[in-house]
Amino acid sequence: MLVLTRKKNESIIIDEHIEITILEVSGDQIKIGINAPKKVEIIRKEILEKVESENQKARTTSLNLDMFK
């Protein structure tokens, strides 16, 4: 993992096409802005982990189709 220190209004560039800017620092929260091409999918990690967890549950859950007869 690369660790960088940035101040408010400073940015980093990823792969020449994605810019991440620190917009605000307040206590233990940081507000960031992301400029990226529309084709780049951006999703919060906790949302992705929740979706993956729910998908895993769905794959391992048995469904009793007899109840629909």
N, C-alpha and C. Protein backbone atom coordinates (compact mmCIF):
# COMPACT_ATOMS: atom_id res chain seq x y z
N MET A 1 0.84 -1.17 0.00
CA MET A 1 0.00 0.00 0.00
C MET A 1 0.89 1.24 0.00
N LEU A 2 0.57 2.15 -0.85
CA LEU A 2 1.25 3.43 -0.89
C LEU A 2 0.53 4.38 0.06
N VAL A 3 1.25 5.03 0.94
CA VAL A 3 0.67 5.98 1.89
C VAL A 3 1.21 7.37 1.57
N LEU A 4 0.30 8.31 1.35
CA LEU A 4 0.68 9.69 1.03
C LEU A 4 0.05 10.64 2.04
N THR A 5 0.72 11.73 2.29
CA THR A 5 0.16 12.79 3.11
C THR A 5 -0.26 13.93 2.19
N ARG A 6 -1.49 14.37 2.33
CA ARG A 6 -2.01 15.46 1.51
C ARG A 6 -2.70 16.46 2.43
N LYS A 7 -2.73 17.70 2.03
CA LYS A 7 -3.44 18.75 2.75
C LYS A 7 -4.67 19.14 1.94
N LYS A 8 -5.55 19.92 2.57
CA LYS A 8 -6.75 20.39 1.90
C LYS A 8 -6.39 21.04 0.56
N ASN A 9 -7.15 20.72 -0.45
CA ASN A 9 -6.99 21.21 -1.83
C ASN A 9 -5.79 20.63 -2.57
N GLU A 10 -5.10 19.67 -1.98
CA GLU A 10 -4.03 18.97 -2.70
C GLU A 10 -4.61 17.71 -3.32
N SER A 11 -3.97 17.25 -4.39
CA SER A 11 -4.50 16.12 -5.16
C SER A 11 -3.43 15.07 -5.41
N ILE A 12 -3.90 13.92 -5.84
CA ILE A 12 -3.03 12.89 -6.41
C ILE A 12 -3.65 12.47 -7.74
N ILE A 13 -2.80 12.02 -8.64
CA ILE A 13 -3.24 11.57 -9.95
C ILE A 13 -2.93 10.08 -10.06
N ILE A 14 -3.90 9.32 -10.54
CA ILE A 14 -3.74 7.89 -10.75
C ILE A 14 -3.89 7.60 -12.24
N ASP A 15 -2.89 6.97 -12.81
CA ASP A 15 -2.93 6.53 -14.20
C ASP A 15 -3.28 7.65 -15.18
N GLU A 16 -2.87 8.86 -14.90
CA GLU A 16 -3.05 10.03 -15.75
C GLU A 16 -4.51 10.44 -15.98
N HIS A 17 -5.47 9.65 -15.53
CA HIS A 17 -6.88 9.92 -15.85
C HIS A 17 -7.76 10.10 -14.62
N ILE A 18 -7.26 9.80 -13.45
CA ILE A 18 -8.07 9.88 -12.23
C ILE A 18 -7.38 10.85 -11.27
N GLU A 19 -8.13 11.85 -10.84
CA GLU A 19 -7.60 12.82 -9.88
C GLU A 19 -8.42 12.75 -8.60
N ILE A 20 -7.73 12.59 -7.49
CA ILE A 20 -8.37 12.56 -6.18
C ILE A 20 -7.90 13.80 -5.42
N THR A 21 -8.86 14.61 -4.97
CA THR A 21 -8.55 15.86 -4.29
C THR A 21 -9.12 15.85 -2.88
N ILE A 22 -8.33 16.29 -1.91
CA ILE A 22 -8.81 16.44 -0.55
C ILE A 22 -9.61 17.74 -0.49
N LEU A 23 -10.89 17.66 -0.18
CA LEU A 23 -11.76 18.83 -0.17
C LEU A 23 -11.92 19.43 1.22
N GLU A 24 -11.97 18.54 2.23
CA GLU A 24 -12.22 19.03 3.58
C GLU A 24 -11.72 18.01 4.59
N VAL A 25 -11.19 18.51 5.69
CA VAL A 25 -10.78 17.65 6.80
C VAL A 25 -11.50 18.16 8.03
N SER A 26 -12.26 17.27 8.68
CA SER A 26 -13.03 17.67 9.86
C SER A 26 -13.00 16.52 10.86
N GLY A 27 -12.22 16.68 11.92
CA GLY A 27 -12.10 15.61 12.91
C GLY A 27 -11.50 14.38 12.28
N ASP A 28 -12.21 13.26 12.41
CA ASP A 28 -11.70 12.00 11.84
C ASP A 28 -12.29 11.71 10.46
N GLN A 29 -12.95 12.70 9.85
CA GLN A 29 -13.51 12.51 8.52
C GLN A 29 -12.78 13.38 7.50
N ILE A 30 -12.66 12.82 6.32
CA ILE A 30 -12.03 13.52 5.21
C ILE A 30 -13.00 13.47 4.03
N LYS A 31 -13.26 14.61 3.42
CA LYS A 31 -14.11 14.65 2.23
C LYS A 31 -13.19 14.71 1.03
N ILE A 32 -13.38 13.77 0.10
CA ILE A 32 -12.55 13.74 -1.10
C ILE A 32 -13.43 13.94 -2.34
N GLY A 33 -12.81 14.46 -3.37
CA GLY A 33 -13.46 14.57 -4.67
C GLY A 33 -12.69 13.71 -5.65
N ILE A 34 -13.42 13.04 -6.54
CA ILE A 34 -12.79 12.15 -7.52
C ILE A 34 -13.22 12.58 -8.91
N ASN A 35 -12.25 12.92 -9.74
CA ASN A 35 -12.51 13.18 -11.16
C ASN A 35 -11.96 12.00 -11.93
N ALA A 36 -12.85 11.32 -12.65
CA ALA A 36 -12.46 10.14 -13.41
C ALA A 36 -13.34 10.03 -14.64
N PRO A 37 -12.86 9.35 -15.67
CA PRO A 37 -13.70 9.11 -16.84
C PRO A 37 -14.98 8.36 -16.44
N LYS A 38 -16.05 8.60 -17.16
CA LYS A 38 -17.33 7.96 -16.84
C LYS A 38 -17.24 6.44 -16.87
N LYS A 39 -16.34 5.89 -17.66
CA LYS A 39 -16.23 4.43 -17.76
C LYS A 39 -15.60 3.81 -16.51
N VAL A 40 -14.99 4.63 -15.65
CA VAL A 40 -14.36 4.12 -14.43
C VAL A 40 -15.43 3.98 -13.35
N GLU A 41 -15.63 2.76 -12.88
CA GLU A 41 -16.61 2.51 -11.83
C GLU A 41 -15.98 2.87 -10.48
N ILE A 42 -16.70 3.69 -9.71
CA ILE A 42 -16.23 4.08 -8.38
C ILE A 42 -17.30 3.65 -7.39
N ILE A 43 -16.92 2.85 -6.42
CA ILE A 43 -17.87 2.35 -5.44
C ILE A 43 -17.20 2.31 -4.07
N ARG A 44 -17.96 2.65 -3.04
CA ARG A 44 -17.41 2.59 -1.69
C ARG A 44 -17.15 1.14 -1.31
N LYS A 45 -16.02 0.90 -0.66
CA LYS A 45 -15.60 -0.46 -0.33
C LYS A 45 -16.63 -1.18 0.53
N GLU A 46 -17.20 -0.50 1.52
CA GLU A 46 -18.17 -1.16 2.40
C GLU A 46 -19.42 -1.60 1.65
N ILE A 47 -19.80 -0.86 0.62
CA ILE A 47 -20.95 -1.25 -0.21
C ILE A 47 -20.59 -2.49 -1.02
N LEU A 48 -19.43 -2.49 -1.63
CA LEU A 48 -18.97 -3.64 -2.41
C LEU A 48 -18.90 -4.89 -1.54
N GLU A 49 -18.35 -4.76 -0.33
CA GLU A 49 -18.25 -5.91 0.57
C GLU A 49 -19.63 -6.43 0.96
N LYS A 50 -20.60 -5.54 1.19
CA LYS A 50 -21.97 -5.95 1.54
C LYS A 50 -22.61 -6.71 0.38
N VAL A 51 -22.46 -6.21 -0.83
CA VAL A 51 -23.03 -6.87 -2.01
C VAL A 51 -22.40 -8.25 -2.19
N GLU A 52 -21.07 -8.32 -2.05
CA GLU A 52 -20.40 -9.62 -2.18
C GLU A 52 -20.86 -10.59 -1.11
N SER A 53 -21.05 -10.11 0.11
CA SER A 53 -21.53 -10.96 1.21
C SER A 53 -22.94 -11.49 0.93
N GLU A 54 -23.81 -10.61 0.47
CA GLU A 54 -25.19 -11.01 0.15
C GLU A 54 -25.21 -12.00 -1.02
N ASN A 55 -24.36 -11.78 -2.01
CA ASN A 55 -24.28 -12.71 -3.13
C ASN A 55 -23.80 -14.08 -2.67
N GLN A 56 -22.83 -14.10 -1.77
CA GLN A 56 -22.33 -15.37 -1.22
C GLN A 56 -23.44 -16.10 -0.46
N LYS A 57 -24.21 -15.37 0.34
CA LYS A 57 -25.33 -15.97 1.07
C LYS A 57 -26.34 -16.57 0.09
N ALA A 58 -26.62 -15.85 -0.98
CA ALA A 58 -27.60 -16.32 -1.97
C ALA A 58 -27.11 -17.59 -2.66
N ARG A 59 -25.81 -17.68 -2.90
CA ARG A 59 -25.27 -18.88 -3.55
C ARG A 59 -25.33 -20.10 -2.65
N THR A 60 -25.27 -19.90 -1.35
CA THR A 60 -25.20 -21.03 -0.42
C THR A 60 -26.54 -21.35 0.24
N THR A 61 -27.56 -20.58 -0.05
CA THR A 61 -28.87 -20.81 0.55
C THR A 61 -29.68 -21.77 -0.29
N SER A 62 -30.24 -22.77 0.37
CA SER A 62 -31.12 -23.71 -0.32
C SER A 62 -32.51 -23.09 -0.44
N LEU A 63 -33.13 -23.29 -1.55
CA LEU A 63 -34.48 -22.78 -1.76
C LEU A 63 -35.40 -23.98 -1.91
N ASN A 64 -36.42 -24.00 -1.08
CA ASN A 64 -37.41 -25.07 -1.13
C ASN A 64 -38.53 -24.64 -2.08
N LEU A 65 -38.48 -25.15 -3.31
CA LEU A 65 -39.47 -24.77 -4.32
C LEU A 65 -40.80 -25.48 -4.12
N ASP A 66 -40.86 -26.50 -3.25
CA ASP A 66 -42.12 -27.20 -3.00
C ASP A 66 -43.18 -26.26 -2.42
N MET A 67 -42.77 -25.24 -1.74
CA MET A 67 -43.73 -24.31 -1.13
C MET A 67 -44.49 -23.49 -2.15
N PHE A 68 -44.08 -23.50 -3.42
CA PHE A 68 -44.74 -22.74 -4.46
C PHE A 68 -45.72 -23.58 -5.26
N LYS A 69 -45.88 -24.85 -4.90
CA LYS A 69 -46.80 -25.72 -5.65
C LYS A 69 -48.21 -25.53 -5.20
